[in-house]
Amino acid sequence: MTPRFTLTVFCGSAPGHDPLYLAAAVEVGRALGRHGMDLVYGGGHVGLMGAVADAALRAGARVTGVIPAALQAREAVHEKLTELVLVDSMHERKTIMSERADGFLALPGGPGTLEELTEQWTWAQLGLHEKPCGVLNVGGYFDPLLAFVAGMRDRGFTHPRYVDMLVVADEVDDALERLRAYSPPPRALASPGAEMADRLAAAVRP
């Protein structure tokens, strides 16, 4: 039996001001069940986190929440998950969410969502894993981030190959299908920084 694709979703513990964000989170949860996928997330019961989890559970997906014991009360832990994993630290939380994932998808969220997404994207660049990282660009939410990433590329701080690693989708089904079908780019022997330094040196040689 083929293991089910497990998606780790990063998103806000708040719902945001635009109802579009909450609706997208619900649709992601429904789509996970529709695509035969399971969910790993931060374990909260509120905001977009809770909406994704509730919808995924209703759709028949297995839902695992991972949360530090110290944050149980502050993050309003979800009590009806398939599995709740209590850990000692944020580092352990992120490690488990990474290990259990076949891919990562960010929905709208705050600094924590941004940090989680960029950490996994960085690990993919460094070859620590070859799992896909993507964003669901709900209502253009990630447009400023994508413009900033393009600026990194254009100013010589990351290779275009690593920018292209990010799966960017406006529609939920498209996001899930592309994450499942993802194939990592060819890997250079040099680290991303060393590769860009060599590229820059080649460009300025007489």
C-alpha atoms as a PDB file:
ATOM      1  CA  MET A   1       0.000   0.000   0.000  1.00  0.00           C
ATOM      2  CA  THR A   2       1.415   3.394  -1.024  1.00  0.00           C
ATOM      3  CA  PRO A   3       1.911   5.738   1.948  1.00  0.00           C
ATOM      4  CA  ARG A   4      -0.350   8.775   1.936  1.00  0.00           C
ATOM      5  CA  PHE A   5       1.260  12.081   1.049  1.00  0.00           C
ATOM      6  CA  THR A   6       1.560  14.159   4.219  1.00  0.00           C
ATOM      7  CA  LEU A   7       1.505  17.920   3.909  1.00  0.00           C
ATOM      8  CA  THR A   8       2.773  20.238   6.619  1.00  0.00           C
ATOM      9  CA  VAL A   9       0.799  23.476   6.511  1.00  0.00           C
ATOM     10  CA  PHE A  10       2.113  26.719   7.982  1.00  0.00           C
ATOM     11  CA  CYS A  11      -0.485  29.426   8.589  1.00  0.00           C
ATOM     12  CA  GLY A  12      -1.741  32.031  11.018  1.00  0.00           C
ATOM     13  CA  SER A  13      -3.220  31.393  14.448  1.00  0.00           C
ATOM     14  CA  ALA A  14      -5.378  34.450  13.635  1.00  0.00           C
ATOM     15  CA  PRO A  15      -8.052  34.501  10.909  1.00  0.00           C
ATOM     16  CA  GLY A  16      -6.925  37.778   9.328  1.00  0.00           C
ATOM     17  CA  HIS A  17      -9.238  40.628   8.380  1.00  0.00           C
ATOM     18  CA  ASP A  18     -10.325  39.331   4.980  1.00  0.00           C
ATOM     19  CA  PRO A  19     -12.801  36.387   5.039  1.00  0.00           C
ATOM     20  CA  LEU A  20     -11.001  35.140   1.933  1.00  0.00           C
ATOM     21  CA  TYR A  21      -8.169  33.813   4.114  1.00  0.00           C
ATOM     22  CA  LEU A  22     -10.440  31.703   6.309  1.00  0.00           C
ATOM     23  CA  ALA A  23     -12.300  30.360   3.282  1.00  0.00           C
ATOM     24  CA  ALA A  24      -8.998  29.334   1.693  1.00  0.00           C
ATOM     25  CA  ALA A  25      -7.907  27.532   4.854  1.00  0.00           C
ATOM     26  CA  VAL A  26     -11.167  25.563   4.901  1.00  0.00           C
ATOM     27  CA  GLU A  27     -10.727  24.680   1.233  1.00  0.00           C
ATOM     28  CA  VAL A  28      -7.185  23.439   1.867  1.00  0.00           C
ATOM     29  CA  GLY A  29      -8.487  21.095   4.569  1.00  0.00           C
ATOM     30  CA  ARG A  30     -11.243  19.801   2.296  1.00  0.00           C
ATOM     31  CA  ALA A  31      -8.814  19.351  -0.580  1.00  0.00           C
ATOM     32  CA  LEU A  32      -6.439  17.299   1.555  1.00  0.00           C
ATOM     33  CA  GLY A  33      -9.190  14.749   2.059  1.00  0.00           C
ATOM     34  CA  ARG A  34     -10.168  14.925  -1.610  1.00  0.00           C
ATOM     35  CA  HIS A  35      -6.575  14.268  -2.703  1.00  0.00           C
ATOM     36  CA  GLY A  36      -6.017  11.466  -0.190  1.00  0.00           C
ATOM     37  CA  MET A  37      -3.483  13.472   1.807  1.00  0.00           C
ATOM     38  CA  ASP A  38      -2.856  13.885   5.522  1.00  0.00           C
ATOM     39  CA  LEU A  39      -2.036  17.018   7.517  1.00  0.00           C
ATOM     40  CA  VAL A  40       0.665  17.981   9.982  1.00  0.00           C
ATOM     41  CA  TYR A  41       0.407  21.450  11.511  1.00  0.00           C
ATOM     42  CA  GLY A  42       1.066  23.453  14.663  1.00  0.00           C
ATOM     43  CA  GLY A  43      -1.752  21.971  16.744  1.00  0.00           C
ATOM     44  CA  GLY A  44      -3.830  25.096  17.392  1.00  0.00           C
ATOM     45  CA  HIS A  45      -7.614  25.303  17.387  1.00  0.00           C
ATOM     46  CA  VAL A  46      -7.992  28.959  16.392  1.00  0.00           C
ATOM     47  CA  GLY A  47      -7.460  31.095  13.316  1.00  0.00           C
ATOM     48  CA  LEU A  48      -6.455  29.584   9.996  1.00  0.00           C
ATOM     49  CA  MET A  49      -4.701  26.737  11.828  1.00  0.00           C
ATOM     50  CA  GLY A  50      -7.928  25.560  13.393  1.00  0.00           C
ATOM     51  CA  ALA A  51      -9.902  26.003  10.178  1.00  0.00           C
ATOM     52  CA  VAL A  52      -7.497  23.835   8.169  1.00  0.00           C
ATOM     53  CA  ALA A  53      -7.481  21.123  10.821  1.00  0.00           C
ATOM     54  CA  ASP A  54     -11.268  21.039  11.286  1.00  0.00           C
ATOM     55  CA  ALA A  55     -11.913  20.874   7.554  1.00  0.00           C
ATOM     56  CA  ALA A  56      -9.274  18.177   7.030  1.00  0.00           C
ATOM     57  CA  LEU A  57     -10.736  16.051   9.820  1.00  0.00           C
ATOM     58  CA  ARG A  58     -14.227  16.369   8.351  1.00  0.00           C
ATOM     59  CA  ALA A  59     -12.816  15.368   4.958  1.00  0.00           C
ATOM     60  CA  GLY A  60     -11.303  12.165   6.339  1.00  0.00           C
ATOM     61  CA  ALA A  61      -7.652  13.198   6.524  1.00  0.00           C
ATOM     62  CA  ARG A  62      -5.408  12.138   9.368  1.00  0.00           C
ATOM     63  CA  VAL A  63      -4.441  15.310  11.256  1.00  0.00           C
ATOM     64  CA  THR A  64      -1.393  15.537  13.504  1.00  0.00           C
ATOM     65  CA  GLY A  65      -0.745  18.592  15.641  1.00  0.00           C
ATOM     66  CA  VAL A  66       2.685  19.344  17.089  1.00  0.00           C
ATOM     67  CA  ILE A  67       2.926  21.865  19.908  1.00  0.00           C
ATOM     68  CA  PRO A  68       5.279  22.720  22.782  1.00  0.00           C
ATOM     69  CA  ALA A  69       3.742  21.946  26.160  1.00  0.00           C
ATOM     70  CA  ALA A  70       4.420  25.523  27.274  1.00  0.00           C
ATOM     71  CA  LEU A  71       2.189  26.857  24.483  1.00  0.00           C
ATOM     72  CA  GLN A  72      -0.793  24.562  25.068  1.00  0.00           C
ATOM     73  CA  ALA A  73      -2.865  27.240  26.768  1.00  0.00           C
ATOM     74  CA  ARG A  74      -1.613  30.228  24.758  1.00  0.00           C
ATOM     75  CA  GLU A  75      -2.292  28.632  21.363  1.00  0.00           C
ATOM     76  CA  ALA A  76      -5.631  27.027  22.316  1.00  0.00           C
ATOM     77  CA  VAL A  77      -4.605  23.477  21.464  1.00  0.00           C
ATOM     78  CA  HIS A  78      -6.992  21.405  19.331  1.00  0.00           C
ATOM     79  CA  GLU A  79      -8.424  18.575  21.424  1.00  0.00           C
ATOM     80  CA  LYS A  80      -9.942  16.427  18.653  1.00  0.00           C
ATOM     81  CA  LEU A  81      -6.989  15.651  16.417  1.00  0.00           C
ATOM     82  CA  THR A  82      -6.003  12.225  15.169  1.00  0.00           C
ATOM     83  CA  GLU A  83      -2.731  12.688  17.033  1.00  0.00           C
ATOM     84  CA  LEU A  84      -1.361  15.447  19.254  1.00  0.00           C
ATOM     85  CA  VAL A  85       2.392  15.490  19.806  1.00  0.00           C
ATOM     86  CA  LEU A  86       3.591  17.492  22.823  1.00  0.00           C
ATOM     87  CA  VAL A  87       7.217  18.598  22.650  1.00  0.00           C
ATOM     88  CA  ASP A  88       9.596  20.575  24.827  1.00  0.00           C
ATOM     89  CA  SER A  89      10.665  23.344  22.449  1.00  0.00           C
ATOM     90  CA  MET A  90       9.903  25.198  19.245  1.00  0.00           C
ATOM     91  CA  HIS A  91      12.995  23.630  17.686  1.00  0.00           C
ATOM     92  CA  GLU A  92      11.677  20.135  18.401  1.00  0.00           C
ATOM     93  CA  ARG A  93       8.258  21.141  17.085  1.00  0.00           C
ATOM     94  CA  LYS A  94       9.673  22.298  13.758  1.00  0.00           C
ATOM     95  CA  THR A  95      11.924  19.248  13.470  1.00  0.00           C
ATOM     96  CA  ILE A  96       9.018  16.837  13.883  1.00  0.00           C
ATOM     97  CA  MET A  97       6.841  18.806  11.463  1.00  0.00           C
ATOM     98  CA  SER A  98       9.674  18.628   8.952  1.00  0.00           C
ATOM     99  CA  GLU A  99      10.399  14.927   9.435  1.00  0.00           C
ATOM    100  CA  ARG A 100       6.763  13.897   9.065  1.00  0.00           C
ATOM    101  CA  ALA A 101       6.167  15.975   5.932  1.00  0.00           C
ATOM    102  CA  ASP A 102       6.379  15.056   2.280  1.00  0.00           C
ATOM    103  CA  GLY A 103       5.906  18.724   1.427  1.00  0.00           C
ATOM    104  CA  PHE A 104       5.230  22.153   2.919  1.00  0.00           C
ATOM    105  CA  LEU A 105       2.577  24.727   2.113  1.00  0.00           C
ATOM    106  CA  ALA A 106       2.281  28.219   3.584  1.00  0.00           C
ATOM    107  CA  LEU A 107      -1.031  30.025   3.817  1.00  0.00           C
ATOM    108  CA  PRO A 108      -1.382  33.621   5.015  1.00  0.00           C
ATOM    109  CA  GLY A 109       0.105  34.126   8.443  1.00  0.00           C
ATOM    110  CA  GLY A 110       2.467  36.220  10.504  1.00  0.00           C
ATOM    111  CA  PRO A 111       6.163  36.113  11.425  1.00  0.00           C
ATOM    112  CA  GLY A 112       5.997  32.486  12.577  1.00  0.00           C
ATOM    113  CA  THR A 113       4.566  31.347   9.255  1.00  0.00           C
ATOM    114  CA  LEU A 114       7.246  33.265   7.378  1.00  0.00           C
ATOM    115  CA  GLU A 115      10.013  31.819   9.546  1.00  0.00           C
ATOM    116  CA  GLU A 116       8.764  28.249   9.128  1.00  0.00           C
ATOM    117  CA  LEU A 117       8.449  28.552   5.363  1.00  0.00           C
ATOM    118  CA  THR A 118      11.839  30.157   4.814  1.00  0.00           C
ATOM    119  CA  GLU A 119      13.556  27.640   7.090  1.00  0.00           C
ATOM    120  CA  GLN A 120      12.270  24.697   5.057  1.00  0.00           C
ATOM    121  CA  TRP A 121      13.072  26.458   1.790  1.00  0.00           C
ATOM    122  CA  THR A 122      16.612  27.108   3.069  1.00  0.00           C
ATOM    123  CA  TRP A 123      17.017  23.468   4.094  1.00  0.00           C
ATOM    124  CA  ALA A 124      15.945  22.430   0.600  1.00  0.00           C
ATOM    125  CA  GLN A 125      18.529  24.783  -0.937  1.00  0.00           C
ATOM    126  CA  LEU A 126      21.235  23.285   1.274  1.00  0.00           C
ATOM    127  CA  GLY A 127      20.230  19.739   0.360  1.00  0.00           C
ATOM    128  CA  LEU A 128      19.119  18.811   3.874  1.00  0.00           C
ATOM    129  CA  HIS A 129      15.916  17.552   2.257  1.00  0.00           C
ATOM    130  CA  GLU A 130      14.418  17.513  -1.232  1.00  0.00           C
ATOM    131  CA  LYS A 131      10.815  18.168  -0.260  1.00  0.00           C
ATOM    132  CA  PRO A 132       8.717  20.801  -2.043  1.00  0.00           C
ATOM    133  CA  CYS A 133       7.945  24.153  -0.437  1.00  0.00           C
ATOM    134  CA  GLY A 134       5.058  26.262  -1.659  1.00  0.00           C
ATOM    135  CA  VAL A 135       2.746  29.149  -0.960  1.00  0.00           C
ATOM    136  CA  LEU A 136      -0.956  29.494  -1.590  1.00  0.00           C
ATOM    137  CA  ASN A 137      -1.091  33.086  -2.740  1.00  0.00           C
ATOM    138  CA  VAL A 138      -4.558  33.893  -1.413  1.00  0.00           C
ATOM    139  CA  GLY A 139      -5.697  37.271  -2.719  1.00  0.00           C
ATOM    140  CA  GLY A 140      -2.099  38.201  -3.564  1.00  0.00           C
ATOM    141  CA  TYR A 141      -1.048  37.891   0.099  1.00  0.00           C
ATOM    142  CA  PHE A 142       2.447  36.685  -0.763  1.00  0.00           C
ATOM    143  CA  ASP A 143       3.063  39.156  -3.602  1.00  0.00           C
ATOM    144  CA  PRO A 144       5.382  41.354  -1.467  1.00  0.00           C
ATOM    145  CA  LEU A 145       7.380  38.316  -0.344  1.00  0.00           C
ATOM    146  CA  LEU A 146       7.681  37.010  -3.901  1.00  0.00           C
ATOM    147  CA  ALA A 147       8.855  40.430  -5.080  1.00  0.00           C
ATOM    148  CA  PHE A 148      11.465  40.431  -2.302  1.00  0.00           C
ATOM    149  CA  VAL A 149      12.643  36.942  -3.312  1.00  0.00           C
ATOM    150  CA  ALA A 150      12.896  38.068  -6.933  1.00  0.00           C
ATOM    151  CA  GLY A 151      15.041  40.952  -5.694  1.00  0.00           C
ATOM    152  CA  MET A 152      17.361  38.493  -3.935  1.00  0.00           C
ATOM    153  CA  ARG A 153      17.786  36.684  -7.230  1.00  0.00           C
ATOM    154  CA  ASP A 154      18.250  39.829  -9.315  1.00  0.00           C
ATOM    155  CA  ARG A 155      20.823  41.237  -6.873  1.00  0.00           C
ATOM    156  CA  GLY A 156      22.884  38.054  -6.812  1.00  0.00           C
ATOM    157  CA  PHE A 157      21.996  36.669  -3.388  1.00  0.00           C
ATOM    158  CA  THR A 158      20.310  33.467  -4.524  1.00  0.00           C
ATOM    159  CA  HIS A 159      20.425  31.354  -7.651  1.00  0.00           C
ATOM    160  CA  PRO A 160      17.376  31.384  -9.958  1.00  0.00           C
ATOM    161  CA  ARG A 161      17.215  27.618  -9.454  1.00  0.00           C
ATOM    162  CA  TYR A 162      16.392  28.120  -5.784  1.00  0.00           C
ATOM    163  CA  VAL A 163      13.758  30.746  -6.528  1.00  0.00           C
ATOM    164  CA  ASP A 164      12.149  28.289  -8.938  1.00  0.00           C
ATOM    165  CA  MET A 165      12.005  25.722  -6.115  1.00  0.00           C
ATOM    166  CA  LEU A 166       9.105  27.608  -4.553  1.00  0.00           C
ATOM    167  CA  VAL A 167       5.745  26.346  -5.751  1.00  0.00           C
ATOM    168  CA  VAL A 168       3.474  29.375  -6.084  1.00  0.00           C
ATOM    169  CA  ALA A 169      -0.210  28.733  -6.709  1.00  0.00           C
ATOM    170  CA  ASP A 170      -3.440  30.710  -6.548  1.00  0.00           C
ATOM    171  CA  GLU A 171      -5.753  27.675  -6.491  1.00  0.00           C
ATOM    172  CA  VAL A 172      -5.782  24.960  -3.843  1.00  0.00           C
ATOM    173  CA  ASP A 173      -6.024  21.931  -6.128  1.00  0.00           C
ATOM    174  CA  ASP A 174      -3.222  23.278  -8.308  1.00  0.00           C
ATOM    175  CA  ALA A 175      -1.017  23.755  -5.239  1.00  0.00           C
ATOM    176  CA  LEU A 176      -1.570  20.208  -3.964  1.00  0.00           C
ATOM    177  CA  GLU A 177      -1.088  18.593  -7.366  1.00  0.00           C
ATOM    178  CA  ARG A 178       2.163  20.485  -7.992  1.00  0.00           C
ATOM    179  CA  LEU A 179       3.534  19.715  -4.538  1.00  0.00           C
ATOM    180  CA  ARG A 180       2.860  16.011  -5.004  1.00  0.00           C
ATOM    181  CA  ALA A 181       4.421  16.021  -8.494  1.00  0.00           C
ATOM    182  CA  TYR A 182       7.438  18.140  -7.502  1.00  0.00           C
ATOM    183  CA  SER A 183      10.875  17.101  -8.701  1.00  0.00           C
ATOM    184  CA  PRO A 184      13.875  18.864  -7.113  1.00  0.00           C
ATOM    185  CA  PRO A 185      16.283  20.722  -9.385  1.00  0.00           C
ATOM    186  CA  PRO A 186      19.778  19.401 -10.120  1.00  0.00           C
ATOM    187  CA  ARG A 187      22.058  20.124  -7.181  1.00  0.00           C
ATOM    188  CA  ALA A 188      25.376  21.944  -7.431  1.00  0.00           C
ATOM    189  CA  LEU A 189      28.357  20.677  -5.430  1.00  0.00           C
ATOM    190  CA  ALA A 190      28.942  24.150  -3.978  1.00  0.00           C
ATOM    191  CA  SER A 191      26.739  25.643  -1.301  1.00  0.00           C
ATOM    192  CA  PRO A 192      24.226  28.264  -2.511  1.00  0.00           C
ATOM    193  CA  GLY A 193      26.441  31.072  -1.196  1.00  0.00           C
ATOM    194  CA  ALA A 194      29.644  29.679  -2.688  1.00  0.00           C
ATOM    195  CA  GLU A 195      27.903  29.056  -5.989  1.00  0.00           C
ATOM    196  CA  MET A 196      26.688  32.652  -6.179  1.00  0.00           C
ATOM    197  CA  ALA A 197      30.152  33.953  -5.227  1.00  0.00           C
ATOM    198  CA  ASP A 198      31.716  31.921  -8.054  1.00  0.00           C
ATOM    199  CA  ARG A 199      29.071  33.167 -10.452  1.00  0.00           C
ATOM    200  CA  LEU A 200      29.701  36.783  -9.497  1.00  0.00           C
ATOM    201  CA  ALA A 201      33.470  36.356  -9.806  1.00  0.00           C
ATOM    202  CA  ALA A 202      33.048  34.890 -13.282  1.00  0.00           C
ATOM    203  CA  ALA A 203      30.889  37.844 -14.292  1.00  0.00           C
ATOM    204  CA  VAL A 204      33.529  40.436 -13.330  1.00  0.00           C
ATOM    205  CA  ARG A 205      36.661  38.688 -14.642  1.00  0.00           C
ATOM    206  CA  PRO A 206      38.338  40.595 -17.513  1.00  0.00           C
END
